[in-house]
């Protein structure tokens, strides 16, 4: 790795380190508003469930700092500006897990649909030696004729960055870790919603 030019010049001239040597901050990263789900997903609807309608009556981001997703080797990682569109893209992944999805601003499919409130409680990314780790937690309240649930669903994802020399890890690798955490959260959400599909 190349040393900063100001540091090299100082060492050559004085044999010391100049405290006023200025270093550029790493460029921040903003993750994509389009969620890339795991393919294929690890969770599918049980065979005795042929159709399961899910109506999301409330979708929210209740994190204390909703604009932030964390820091990777001094690089700020931001959520997309349109967080509602981002959340809709993420929970849309429930479709690939056997749930037919509608939102509160769309016509209700039928009276037997599960009604759910989903809130993003936590989404955070951290770095360890040679690794990016992401965690996502959703609070899910749902009910149907078959019962109700009130649960916190967690997912975690990580990507090895050993060969990317730390702070040079690209946006694709950061994005993959975040999306992996959301995918696993959706697996947990779908698993707990399946019993509510049975009439």
N, C-alpha and C. Protein backbone atom coordinates (compact mmCIF):
# COMPACT_ATOMS: atom_id res chain seq x y z
N UNK A 1 0.85 -1.20 0.00
CA UNK A 1 0.00 0.00 0.00
C UNK A 1 0.89 1.25 0.00
N UNK A 2 0.58 2.22 -0.81
CA UNK A 2 1.40 3.43 -0.91
C UNK A 2 1.15 4.36 0.26
N UNK A 3 2.20 4.92 0.82
CA UNK A 3 2.05 5.89 1.90
C UNK A 3 1.65 7.24 1.33
N UNK A 4 0.93 8.07 2.10
CA UNK A 4 0.57 9.42 1.62
C UNK A 4 1.80 10.23 1.26
N UNK A 5 1.70 11.04 0.19
CA UNK A 5 2.85 11.81 -0.29
C UNK A 5 3.38 12.75 0.77
N UNK A 6 2.47 13.36 1.59
CA UNK A 6 2.93 14.31 2.59
C UNK A 6 3.74 13.60 3.67
N UNK A 7 3.38 12.34 3.96
CA UNK A 7 4.11 11.58 4.97
C UNK A 7 5.49 11.21 4.44
N UNK A 8 5.59 10.79 3.18
CA UNK A 8 6.88 10.43 2.60
C UNK A 8 7.81 11.63 2.58
N UNK A 9 7.27 12.80 2.17
CA UNK A 9 8.10 14.01 2.11
C UNK A 9 8.61 14.40 3.48
N UNK A 10 7.79 14.29 4.48
CA UNK A 10 8.20 14.66 5.83
C UNK A 10 9.28 13.74 6.34
N UNK A 11 9.12 12.44 6.10
CA UNK A 11 10.12 11.48 6.58
C UNK A 11 11.47 11.72 5.91
N UNK A 12 11.45 12.04 4.62
CA UNK A 12 12.70 12.27 3.90
C UNK A 12 13.41 13.52 4.40
N UNK A 13 12.66 14.57 4.70
CA UNK A 13 13.27 15.85 5.05
C UNK A 13 13.60 15.96 6.53
N UNK A 14 12.77 15.39 7.39
CA UNK A 14 12.97 15.62 8.81
C UNK A 14 13.14 14.36 9.63
N UNK A 15 12.82 13.23 9.00
CA UNK A 15 12.89 11.99 9.77
C UNK A 15 11.77 11.87 10.77
N UNK A 16 10.76 12.72 10.68
CA UNK A 16 9.65 12.68 11.62
C UNK A 16 8.31 12.72 10.91
N UNK A 17 7.26 12.96 11.70
CA UNK A 17 5.90 12.99 11.16
C UNK A 17 5.31 14.38 11.36
N UNK A 18 4.72 14.96 10.30
CA UNK A 18 4.13 16.29 10.38
C UNK A 18 2.69 16.20 10.85
N UNK A 19 2.33 16.82 11.98
CA UNK A 19 0.96 16.73 12.50
C UNK A 19 -0.07 17.40 11.60
N UNK A 20 0.38 18.31 10.72
CA UNK A 20 -0.57 18.99 9.85
C UNK A 20 -0.76 18.28 8.52
N UNK A 21 -0.27 17.04 8.42
CA UNK A 21 -0.46 16.25 7.22
C UNK A 21 -1.95 15.95 7.07
N UNK A 22 -2.54 16.27 5.94
CA UNK A 22 -3.98 16.14 5.76
C UNK A 22 -4.30 14.87 4.98
N UNK A 23 -5.27 14.11 5.46
CA UNK A 23 -5.70 12.88 4.81
C UNK A 23 -7.16 13.03 4.37
N UNK A 24 -7.46 12.61 3.15
CA UNK A 24 -8.83 12.67 2.65
C UNK A 24 -9.67 11.58 3.30
N UNK A 25 -10.87 11.93 3.75
CA UNK A 25 -11.78 10.96 4.34
C UNK A 25 -12.27 10.01 3.25
N UNK A 26 -12.44 8.71 3.58
CA UNK A 26 -12.95 7.76 2.59
C UNK A 26 -14.33 8.19 2.09
N UNK A 27 -14.60 7.91 0.83
CA UNK A 27 -15.89 8.27 0.24
C UNK A 27 -17.01 7.48 0.91
N UNK A 28 -18.12 8.13 1.28
CA UNK A 28 -19.26 7.41 1.86
C UNK A 28 -19.93 6.52 0.81
N UNK A 29 -20.73 5.59 1.29
CA UNK A 29 -21.44 4.65 0.42
C UNK A 29 -22.93 4.75 0.72
N UNK A 30 -23.76 4.79 -0.30
CA UNK A 30 -25.21 4.72 -0.15
C UNK A 30 -25.69 3.43 -0.79
N UNK A 31 -26.37 2.59 -0.02
CA UNK A 31 -26.81 1.31 -0.58
C UNK A 31 -27.95 1.53 -1.56
N UNK A 32 -28.16 0.57 -2.43
CA UNK A 32 -29.18 0.67 -3.46
C UNK A 32 -30.59 0.59 -2.85
N UNK A 33 -31.52 1.32 -3.46
CA UNK A 33 -32.91 1.27 -3.02
C UNK A 33 -33.61 0.02 -3.52
N UNK A 34 -32.95 -0.74 -4.40
CA UNK A 34 -33.51 -1.97 -4.93
C UNK A 34 -32.88 -3.15 -4.20
N UNK A 35 -33.70 -3.85 -3.45
CA UNK A 35 -33.24 -4.99 -2.66
C UNK A 35 -32.96 -6.19 -3.56
N UNK A 36 -31.77 -6.79 -3.40
CA UNK A 36 -31.40 -7.99 -4.15
C UNK A 36 -31.53 -9.20 -3.22
N UNK A 37 -32.59 -9.96 -3.40
CA UNK A 37 -32.89 -11.08 -2.51
C UNK A 37 -31.98 -12.27 -2.83
N UNK A 38 -31.89 -13.19 -1.86
CA UNK A 38 -31.17 -14.43 -2.10
C UNK A 38 -31.93 -15.24 -3.16
N UNK A 39 -31.20 -15.91 -4.02
CA UNK A 39 -31.85 -16.69 -5.07
C UNK A 39 -31.15 -18.05 -5.20
N UNK A 40 -31.86 -19.16 -4.97
CA UNK A 40 -33.25 -19.19 -4.49
C UNK A 40 -33.30 -18.92 -2.99
N UNK A 41 -34.47 -18.55 -2.49
CA UNK A 41 -34.62 -18.34 -1.05
C UNK A 41 -34.61 -19.68 -0.34
N UNK A 42 -34.23 -19.67 0.93
CA UNK A 42 -34.13 -20.92 1.69
C UNK A 42 -35.46 -21.34 2.30
N UNK A 43 -36.46 -20.47 2.24
CA UNK A 43 -37.75 -20.75 2.87
C UNK A 43 -38.84 -20.73 1.81
N UNK A 44 -39.69 -21.74 1.80
CA UNK A 44 -40.84 -21.80 0.90
C UNK A 44 -42.07 -22.19 1.71
N UNK A 45 -43.24 -21.84 1.19
CA UNK A 45 -44.48 -22.14 1.90
C UNK A 45 -44.71 -23.65 1.99
N UNK A 46 -45.27 -24.10 3.12
CA UNK A 46 -45.60 -25.53 3.25
C UNK A 46 -46.54 -25.99 2.14
N UNK A 47 -46.51 -27.28 1.82
CA UNK A 47 -47.29 -27.81 0.71
C UNK A 47 -48.80 -27.69 0.94
N UNK A 48 -49.23 -27.62 2.21
CA UNK A 48 -50.67 -27.54 2.47
C UNK A 48 -51.20 -26.11 2.36
N UNK A 49 -50.32 -25.17 2.00
CA UNK A 49 -50.75 -23.77 1.81
C UNK A 49 -50.63 -23.43 0.33
N UNK A 50 -51.77 -23.35 -0.34
CA UNK A 50 -51.75 -23.09 -1.79
C UNK A 50 -51.77 -21.60 -2.10
N UNK A 51 -52.36 -20.83 -1.19
CA UNK A 51 -52.44 -19.38 -1.41
C UNK A 51 -52.47 -18.67 -0.06
N UNK A 52 -51.64 -17.65 0.08
CA UNK A 52 -51.60 -16.90 1.34
C UNK A 52 -51.49 -15.42 1.03
N UNK A 53 -52.55 -14.68 1.34
CA UNK A 53 -52.57 -13.24 1.07
C UNK A 53 -52.11 -12.47 2.30
N UNK A 54 -51.19 -11.56 2.10
CA UNK A 54 -50.66 -10.72 3.18
C UNK A 54 -50.89 -9.27 2.82
N UNK A 55 -51.60 -8.57 3.68
CA UNK A 55 -51.86 -7.14 3.48
C UNK A 55 -51.07 -6.36 4.53
N UNK A 56 -50.13 -5.54 4.09
CA UNK A 56 -49.32 -4.74 5.00
C UNK A 56 -50.04 -3.41 5.21
N UNK A 57 -50.59 -3.23 6.39
CA UNK A 57 -51.38 -2.03 6.68
C UNK A 57 -50.50 -0.90 7.21
N UNK A 58 -49.30 -1.25 7.65
CA UNK A 58 -48.37 -0.21 8.13
C UNK A 58 -46.94 -0.70 7.93
N UNK A 59 -46.14 0.15 7.29
CA UNK A 59 -44.74 -0.16 7.03
C UNK A 59 -43.92 1.05 7.44
N UNK A 60 -42.98 0.88 8.37
CA UNK A 60 -42.27 2.05 8.91
C UNK A 60 -40.81 1.72 9.23
N UNK A 61 -40.03 2.79 9.31
CA UNK A 61 -38.63 2.72 9.72
C UNK A 61 -38.53 3.50 11.02
N UNK A 62 -38.37 2.79 12.14
CA UNK A 62 -38.40 3.45 13.45
C UNK A 62 -37.01 3.50 14.10
N UNK A 63 -35.97 3.36 13.29
CA UNK A 63 -34.61 3.47 13.82
C UNK A 63 -34.34 4.91 14.28
N UNK A 64 -33.47 5.06 15.25
CA UNK A 64 -33.17 6.38 15.78
C UNK A 64 -32.47 7.27 14.75
N UNK A 65 -31.63 6.67 13.93
CA UNK A 65 -30.94 7.43 12.87
C UNK A 65 -31.20 6.72 11.54
N UNK A 66 -32.39 6.92 10.97
CA UNK A 66 -32.78 6.14 9.78
C UNK A 66 -31.92 6.38 8.55
N UNK A 67 -31.17 7.47 8.54
CA UNK A 67 -30.33 7.74 7.37
C UNK A 67 -29.04 6.91 7.38
N UNK A 68 -28.66 6.36 8.54
CA UNK A 68 -27.38 5.66 8.68
C UNK A 68 -27.55 4.14 8.72
N UNK A 69 -26.58 3.45 8.10
CA UNK A 69 -26.52 1.99 8.20
C UNK A 69 -25.24 1.52 8.87
N UNK A 70 -24.36 2.45 9.21
CA UNK A 70 -23.14 2.06 9.91
C UNK A 70 -21.90 2.66 9.30
N UNK A 71 -20.76 2.11 9.69
CA UNK A 71 -19.46 2.59 9.22
C UNK A 71 -18.59 1.38 8.92
N UNK A 72 -17.96 1.41 7.76
CA UNK A 72 -17.01 0.34 7.42
C UNK A 72 -15.64 0.97 7.19
N UNK A 73 -14.69 0.70 8.08
CA UNK A 73 -13.33 1.25 8.01
C UNK A 73 -13.37 2.73 7.69
N UNK A 74 -14.08 3.48 8.52
CA UNK A 74 -14.21 4.94 8.44
C UNK A 74 -15.05 5.41 7.25
N UNK A 75 -15.64 4.49 6.51
CA UNK A 75 -16.54 4.87 5.42
C UNK A 75 -17.96 4.87 5.95
N UNK A 76 -18.64 6.01 5.91
CA UNK A 76 -20.04 6.06 6.32
C UNK A 76 -20.88 5.30 5.29
N UNK A 77 -21.82 4.51 5.80
CA UNK A 77 -22.73 3.75 4.93
C UNK A 77 -24.14 4.27 5.19
N UNK A 78 -24.77 4.80 4.13
CA UNK A 78 -26.08 5.44 4.26
C UNK A 78 -27.18 4.59 3.65
N UNK A 79 -28.38 4.72 4.22
CA UNK A 79 -29.58 4.14 3.62
C UNK A 79 -30.00 5.02 2.44
N UNK A 80 -30.80 4.48 1.52
CA UNK A 80 -31.29 5.29 0.40
C UNK A 80 -32.15 6.46 0.91
N UNK A 81 -32.20 7.54 0.15
CA UNK A 81 -33.00 8.70 0.56
C UNK A 81 -34.48 8.37 0.66
N UNK A 82 -35.00 7.63 -0.32
CA UNK A 82 -36.41 7.24 -0.30
C UNK A 82 -36.52 5.93 0.47
N UNK A 83 -36.58 6.06 1.79
CA UNK A 83 -36.56 4.86 2.62
C UNK A 83 -37.86 4.05 2.53
N UNK A 84 -38.98 4.71 2.24
CA UNK A 84 -40.22 3.96 2.12
C UNK A 84 -40.18 3.04 0.89
N UNK A 85 -39.68 3.56 -0.23
CA UNK A 85 -39.54 2.73 -1.43
C UNK A 85 -38.57 1.59 -1.18
N UNK A 86 -37.52 1.88 -0.43
CA UNK A 86 -36.52 0.86 -0.08
C UNK A 86 -37.17 -0.24 0.76
N UNK A 87 -37.95 0.14 1.76
CA UNK A 87 -38.62 -0.85 2.61
C UNK A 87 -39.61 -1.69 1.81
N UNK A 88 -40.34 -1.05 0.90
CA UNK A 88 -41.29 -1.80 0.07
C UNK A 88 -40.55 -2.81 -0.80
N UNK A 89 -39.39 -2.41 -1.30
CA UNK A 89 -38.59 -3.34 -2.10
C UNK A 89 -38.14 -4.53 -1.26
N UNK A 90 -37.74 -4.27 -0.03
CA UNK A 90 -37.27 -5.35 0.85
C UNK A 90 -38.40 -6.31 1.19
N UNK A 91 -39.51 -5.80 1.74
CA UNK A 91 -40.59 -6.71 2.14
C UNK A 91 -41.26 -7.36 0.93
N UNK A 92 -41.06 -6.78 -0.26
CA UNK A 92 -41.54 -7.44 -1.48
C UNK A 92 -40.94 -8.82 -1.67
N UNK A 93 -39.81 -9.07 -0.99
CA UNK A 93 -39.18 -10.38 -1.03
C UNK A 93 -40.04 -11.48 -0.42
N UNK A 94 -41.07 -11.11 0.33
CA UNK A 94 -41.98 -12.12 0.89
C UNK A 94 -42.76 -12.83 -0.22
N UNK A 95 -42.89 -12.18 -1.38
CA UNK A 95 -43.58 -12.80 -2.51
C UNK A 95 -42.87 -14.08 -2.94
N UNK A 96 -41.55 -14.05 -2.98
CA UNK A 96 -40.80 -15.23 -3.40
C UNK A 96 -40.82 -16.34 -2.36
N UNK A 97 -41.39 -16.04 -1.20
CA UNK A 97 -41.54 -17.03 -0.12
C UNK A 97 -42.98 -17.51 0.00
N UNK A 98 -43.76 -17.28 -1.05
CA UNK A 98 -45.09 -17.85 -1.12
C UNK A 98 -46.22 -16.99 -0.60
N UNK A 99 -45.96 -15.71 -0.34
CA UNK A 99 -47.01 -14.81 0.16
C UNK A 99 -47.40 -13.82 -0.94
N UNK A 100 -48.71 -13.64 -1.13
CA UNK A 100 -49.21 -12.66 -2.10
C UNK A 100 -49.39 -11.34 -1.37
N UNK A 101 -48.66 -10.33 -1.80
CA UNK A 101 -48.52 -9.10 -1.03
C UNK A 101 -49.36 -7.96 -1.58
N UNK A 102 -50.01 -7.22 -0.69
CA UNK A 102 -50.61 -5.93 -1.04
C UNK A 102 -50.30 -4.96 0.09
N UNK A 103 -50.35 -3.65 -0.23
CA UNK A 103 -50.09 -2.62 0.76
C UNK A 103 -51.37 -1.85 1.05
N UNK A 104 -51.34 -1.02 2.08
CA UNK A 104 -52.53 -0.32 2.55
C UNK A 104 -53.10 0.64 1.50
N UNK A 105 -52.26 1.07 0.55
CA UNK A 105 -52.75 1.99 -0.48
C UNK A 105 -53.26 1.26 -1.72
N UNK A 106 -53.43 -0.06 -1.61
CA UNK A 106 -53.93 -0.87 -2.70
C UNK A 106 -55.22 -1.57 -2.27
N UNK A 107 -56.07 -1.99 -3.22
CA UNK A 107 -57.32 -2.67 -2.86
C UNK A 107 -57.07 -3.94 -2.05
N UNK A 108 -57.87 -4.18 -1.02
CA UNK A 108 -57.73 -5.39 -0.20
C UNK A 108 -58.06 -6.62 -1.02
N UNK A 109 -57.24 -7.69 -0.95
CA UNK A 109 -57.47 -8.88 -1.77
C UNK A 109 -58.72 -9.66 -1.35
N UNK A 110 -58.86 -9.93 -0.06
CA UNK A 110 -60.01 -10.65 0.46
C UNK A 110 -60.03 -10.57 1.98
N UNK A 111 -61.14 -10.98 2.57
CA UNK A 111 -61.30 -10.85 4.02
C UNK A 111 -60.40 -11.80 4.81
N UNK A 112 -59.92 -12.85 4.17
CA UNK A 112 -59.10 -13.83 4.89
C UNK A 112 -57.62 -13.49 4.89
N UNK A 113 -57.25 -12.36 4.29
CA UNK A 113 -55.84 -11.99 4.23
C UNK A 113 -55.28 -11.71 5.62
N UNK A 114 -54.02 -12.03 5.79
CA UNK A 114 -53.30 -11.64 7.00
C UNK A 114 -53.09 -10.13 6.94
N UNK A 115 -53.34 -9.45 8.05
CA UNK A 115 -53.03 -8.03 8.14
C UNK A 115 -51.81 -7.86 9.04
N UNK A 116 -50.85 -7.08 8.57
CA UNK A 116 -49.59 -6.97 9.30
C UNK A 116 -49.08 -5.54 9.38
N UNK A 117 -48.45 -5.25 10.51
CA UNK A 117 -47.67 -4.03 10.68
C UNK A 117 -46.21 -4.45 10.78
N UNK A 118 -45.38 -3.86 9.93
CA UNK A 118 -43.96 -4.22 9.90
C UNK A 118 -43.12 -2.97 10.09
N UNK A 119 -42.24 -3.00 11.08
CA UNK A 119 -41.37 -1.86 11.37
C UNK A 119 -39.91 -2.30 11.37
N UNK A 120 -39.08 -1.55 10.66
CA UNK A 120 -37.64 -1.80 10.71
C UNK A 120 -37.11 -1.23 12.01
N UNK A 121 -36.68 -2.11 12.90
CA UNK A 121 -36.22 -1.72 14.23
C UNK A 121 -34.73 -1.44 14.26
N UNK A 122 -33.98 -2.21 13.47
CA UNK A 122 -32.52 -2.10 13.47
C UNK A 122 -31.98 -2.53 12.12
N UNK A 123 -31.01 -1.77 11.62
CA UNK A 123 -30.24 -2.16 10.44
C UNK A 123 -28.87 -1.54 10.61
N UNK A 124 -27.87 -2.38 10.80
CA UNK A 124 -26.55 -1.84 11.12
C UNK A 124 -25.45 -2.70 10.53
N UNK A 125 -24.38 -2.04 10.12
CA UNK A 125 -23.25 -2.71 9.50
C UNK A 125 -21.98 -2.35 10.26
N UNK A 126 -21.15 -3.36 10.52
CA UNK A 126 -19.88 -3.14 11.22
C UNK A 126 -18.77 -3.91 10.51
N UNK A 127 -17.53 -3.61 10.87
CA UNK A 127 -16.42 -4.34 10.29
C UNK A 127 -15.57 -4.97 11.38
N UNK A 128 -15.07 -6.15 11.06
CA UNK A 128 -14.07 -6.82 11.87
C UNK A 128 -12.89 -7.09 10.95
N UNK A 129 -11.87 -7.79 11.44
CA UNK A 129 -10.70 -8.05 10.60
C UNK A 129 -11.11 -8.94 9.42
N UNK A 130 -11.04 -8.36 8.22
CA UNK A 130 -11.33 -9.11 7.01
C UNK A 130 -12.78 -9.49 6.82
N UNK A 131 -13.71 -8.75 7.43
CA UNK A 131 -15.11 -9.15 7.36
C UNK A 131 -16.05 -7.95 7.50
N UNK A 132 -17.14 -7.96 6.72
CA UNK A 132 -18.23 -7.00 6.89
C UNK A 132 -19.42 -7.76 7.44
N UNK A 133 -20.01 -7.28 8.53
CA UNK A 133 -21.16 -7.93 9.14
C UNK A 133 -22.34 -6.97 9.19
N UNK A 134 -23.51 -7.45 8.81
CA UNK A 134 -24.73 -6.65 8.83
C UNK A 134 -25.81 -7.37 9.62
N UNK A 135 -26.62 -6.59 10.34
CA UNK A 135 -27.72 -7.13 11.13
C UNK A 135 -28.98 -6.33 10.84
N UNK A 136 -30.10 -7.02 10.72
CA UNK A 136 -31.39 -6.36 10.51
C UNK A 136 -32.42 -6.98 11.44
N UNK A 137 -33.26 -6.14 12.05
CA UNK A 137 -34.32 -6.61 12.94
C UNK A 137 -35.63 -5.91 12.56
N UNK A 138 -36.66 -6.69 12.33
CA UNK A 138 -38.00 -6.16 12.07
C UNK A 138 -38.93 -6.52 13.22
N UNK A 139 -39.81 -5.60 13.58
CA UNK A 139 -40.89 -5.88 14.52
C UNK A 139 -42.14 -6.15 13.68
N UNK A 140 -42.70 -7.34 13.84
CA UNK A 140 -43.84 -7.76 13.04
C UNK A 140 -45.04 -8.06 13.94
N UNK A 141 -46.13 -7.36 13.70
CA UNK A 141 -47.41 -7.64 14.34
C UNK A 141 -48.38 -8.04 13.24
N UNK A 142 -48.95 -9.25 13.35
CA UNK A 142 -49.82 -9.74 12.29
C UNK A 142 -50.94 -10.58 12.88
N UNK A 143 -52.08 -10.55 12.18
CA UNK A 143 -53.21 -11.37 12.62
C UNK A 143 -54.06 -11.79 11.43
N UNK A 144 -54.74 -12.92 11.61
CA UNK A 144 -55.69 -13.44 10.63
C UNK A 144 -56.75 -14.22 11.39
N UNK A 145 -57.60 -14.89 10.67
CA UNK A 145 -58.62 -15.72 11.33
C UNK A 145 -57.98 -16.86 12.12
N UNK A 146 -56.76 -17.21 11.74
CA UNK A 146 -56.09 -18.36 12.37
C UNK A 146 -55.29 -18.00 13.61
N UNK A 147 -55.12 -16.72 13.90
CA UNK A 147 -54.36 -16.33 15.08
C UNK A 147 -53.61 -15.03 14.87
N UNK A 148 -52.62 -14.79 15.72
CA UNK A 148 -51.83 -13.57 15.60
C UNK A 148 -50.42 -13.79 16.13
N UNK A 149 -49.51 -12.93 15.71
CA UNK A 149 -48.13 -12.97 16.20
C UNK A 149 -47.68 -11.55 16.52
N UNK A 150 -46.71 -11.43 17.41
CA UNK A 150 -46.05 -10.17 17.75
C UNK A 150 -44.60 -10.53 18.03
N UNK A 151 -43.74 -10.37 17.02
CA UNK A 151 -42.37 -10.90 17.14
C UNK A 151 -41.34 -9.93 16.56
N UNK A 152 -40.13 -10.11 17.04
CA UNK A 152 -38.97 -9.41 16.49
C UNK A 152 -38.19 -10.44 15.66
N UNK A 153 -38.04 -10.15 14.38
CA UNK A 153 -37.40 -11.09 13.46
C UNK A 153 -36.03 -10.56 13.06
N UNK A 154 -35.00 -11.36 13.30
CA UNK A 154 -33.63 -10.91 13.09
C UNK A 154 -32.97 -11.69 11.95
N UNK A 155 -32.12 -10.99 11.22
CA UNK A 155 -31.31 -11.63 10.20
C UNK A 155 -29.90 -11.05 10.23
N UNK A 156 -28.91 -11.86 9.92
CA UNK A 156 -27.52 -11.40 9.91
C UNK A 156 -26.83 -11.90 8.66
N UNK A 157 -25.99 -11.06 8.09
CA UNK A 157 -25.23 -11.44 6.90
C UNK A 157 -23.81 -10.92 7.00
N UNK A 158 -22.88 -11.60 6.35
CA UNK A 158 -21.49 -11.15 6.38
C UNK A 158 -20.79 -11.51 5.07
N UNK A 159 -19.76 -10.75 4.77
CA UNK A 159 -18.96 -10.99 3.58
C UNK A 159 -17.48 -10.85 3.93
N UNK A 160 -16.67 -11.76 3.42
CA UNK A 160 -15.23 -11.69 3.66
C UNK A 160 -14.62 -10.58 2.81
N UNK A 161 -13.77 -9.77 3.43
CA UNK A 161 -13.12 -8.67 2.70
C UNK A 161 -11.60 -8.78 2.77
N UNK A 162 -11.10 -9.94 3.14
CA UNK A 162 -9.66 -10.09 3.36
C UNK A 162 -8.84 -9.65 2.15
N UNK A 163 -9.32 -10.03 0.95
CA UNK A 163 -8.53 -9.73 -0.25
C UNK A 163 -8.82 -8.34 -0.82
N UNK A 164 -9.72 -7.59 -0.17
CA UNK A 164 -10.04 -6.26 -0.70
C UNK A 164 -9.29 -5.14 0.03
N UNK A 165 -8.35 -5.49 0.90
CA UNK A 165 -7.50 -4.52 1.57
C UNK A 165 -8.30 -3.49 2.38
N UNK A 166 -9.21 -4.01 3.20
CA UNK A 166 -9.91 -3.17 4.18
C UNK A 166 -10.77 -2.10 3.58
N UNK A 167 -10.35 -0.84 3.66
CA UNK A 167 -11.21 0.28 3.28
C UNK A 167 -11.50 0.34 1.79
N UNK A 168 -10.81 -0.48 0.97
CA UNK A 168 -11.08 -0.48 -0.46
C UNK A 168 -12.25 -1.38 -0.83
N UNK A 169 -12.88 -2.02 0.16
CA UNK A 169 -14.03 -2.88 -0.12
C UNK A 169 -15.08 -2.09 -0.90
N UNK A 170 -15.54 -2.64 -2.00
CA UNK A 170 -16.45 -1.94 -2.89
C UNK A 170 -17.87 -1.92 -2.38
N UNK A 171 -18.67 -1.06 -3.04
CA UNK A 171 -20.06 -0.94 -2.66
C UNK A 171 -20.80 -2.26 -2.83
N UNK A 172 -20.42 -3.04 -3.84
CA UNK A 172 -21.08 -4.32 -4.08
C UNK A 172 -20.97 -5.26 -2.90
N UNK A 173 -19.80 -5.28 -2.26
CA UNK A 173 -19.60 -6.16 -1.11
C UNK A 173 -20.40 -5.68 0.10
N UNK A 174 -20.44 -4.38 0.31
CA UNK A 174 -21.24 -3.80 1.40
C UNK A 174 -22.72 -4.07 1.15
N UNK A 175 -23.15 -3.86 -0.09
CA UNK A 175 -24.55 -4.10 -0.47
C UNK A 175 -24.92 -5.56 -0.23
N UNK A 176 -24.04 -6.47 -0.60
CA UNK A 176 -24.32 -7.90 -0.46
C UNK A 176 -24.51 -8.30 1.01
N UNK A 177 -23.71 -7.73 1.89
CA UNK A 177 -23.84 -8.04 3.32
C UNK A 177 -25.17 -7.54 3.87
N UNK A 178 -25.55 -6.32 3.48
CA UNK A 178 -26.82 -5.74 3.95
C UNK A 178 -28.00 -6.54 3.41
N UNK A 179 -27.98 -6.86 2.11
CA UNK A 179 -29.08 -7.62 1.52
C UNK A 179 -29.19 -9.01 2.10
N UNK A 180 -28.05 -9.62 2.44
CA UNK A 180 -28.06 -10.95 3.05
C UNK A 180 -28.77 -10.92 4.40
N UNK A 181 -28.53 -9.87 5.19
CA UNK A 181 -29.19 -9.74 6.49
C UNK A 181 -30.70 -9.60 6.32
N UNK A 182 -31.11 -8.79 5.33
CA UNK A 182 -32.54 -8.63 5.08
C UNK A 182 -33.17 -9.94 4.59
N UNK A 183 -32.47 -10.68 3.74
CA UNK A 183 -32.99 -11.95 3.24
C UNK A 183 -33.28 -12.91 4.39
N UNK A 184 -32.38 -12.97 5.33
CA UNK A 184 -32.57 -13.89 6.46
C UNK A 184 -33.68 -13.41 7.39
N UNK A 185 -33.85 -12.10 7.49
CA UNK A 185 -34.99 -11.56 8.25
C UNK A 185 -36.31 -11.99 7.60
N UNK A 186 -36.36 -11.89 6.27
CA UNK A 186 -37.57 -12.27 5.55
C UNK A 186 -37.87 -13.76 5.70
N UNK A 187 -36.82 -14.59 5.74
CA UNK A 187 -37.02 -16.02 6.00
C UNK A 187 -37.74 -16.23 7.33
N UNK A 188 -37.29 -15.51 8.35
CA UNK A 188 -37.88 -15.65 9.68
C UNK A 188 -39.32 -15.12 9.70
N UNK A 189 -39.56 -13.99 9.03
CA UNK A 189 -40.90 -13.42 8.98
C UNK A 189 -41.87 -14.39 8.30
N UNK A 190 -41.47 -14.90 7.13
CA UNK A 190 -42.34 -15.81 6.38
C UNK A 190 -42.65 -17.07 7.19
N UNK A 191 -41.65 -17.62 7.84
CA UNK A 191 -41.84 -18.84 8.63
C UNK A 191 -42.89 -18.64 9.72
N UNK A 192 -42.89 -17.47 10.35
CA UNK A 192 -43.85 -17.21 11.41
C UNK A 192 -45.22 -16.81 10.88
N UNK A 193 -45.28 -16.36 9.62
CA UNK A 193 -46.58 -15.99 9.03
C UNK A 193 -47.33 -17.21 8.47
N UNK A 194 -46.62 -18.25 8.07
CA UNK A 194 -47.27 -19.40 7.44
C UNK A 194 -48.43 -19.97 8.26
N UNK A 195 -48.29 -20.15 9.59
CA UNK A 195 -49.43 -20.70 10.34
C UNK A 195 -50.68 -19.82 10.27
N UNK A 196 -50.50 -18.52 10.04
CA UNK A 196 -51.66 -17.62 9.94
C UNK A 196 -52.37 -17.76 8.61
N UNK A 197 -51.77 -18.48 7.67
CA UNK A 197 -52.39 -18.67 6.35
C UNK A 197 -53.45 -19.76 6.37
N UNK A 198 -53.40 -20.62 7.36
CA UNK A 198 -54.33 -21.75 7.41
C UNK A 198 -55.69 -21.29 7.91
N UNK A 199 -56.74 -21.61 7.18
CA UNK A 199 -58.08 -21.18 7.56
C UNK A 199 -58.72 -22.16 8.55
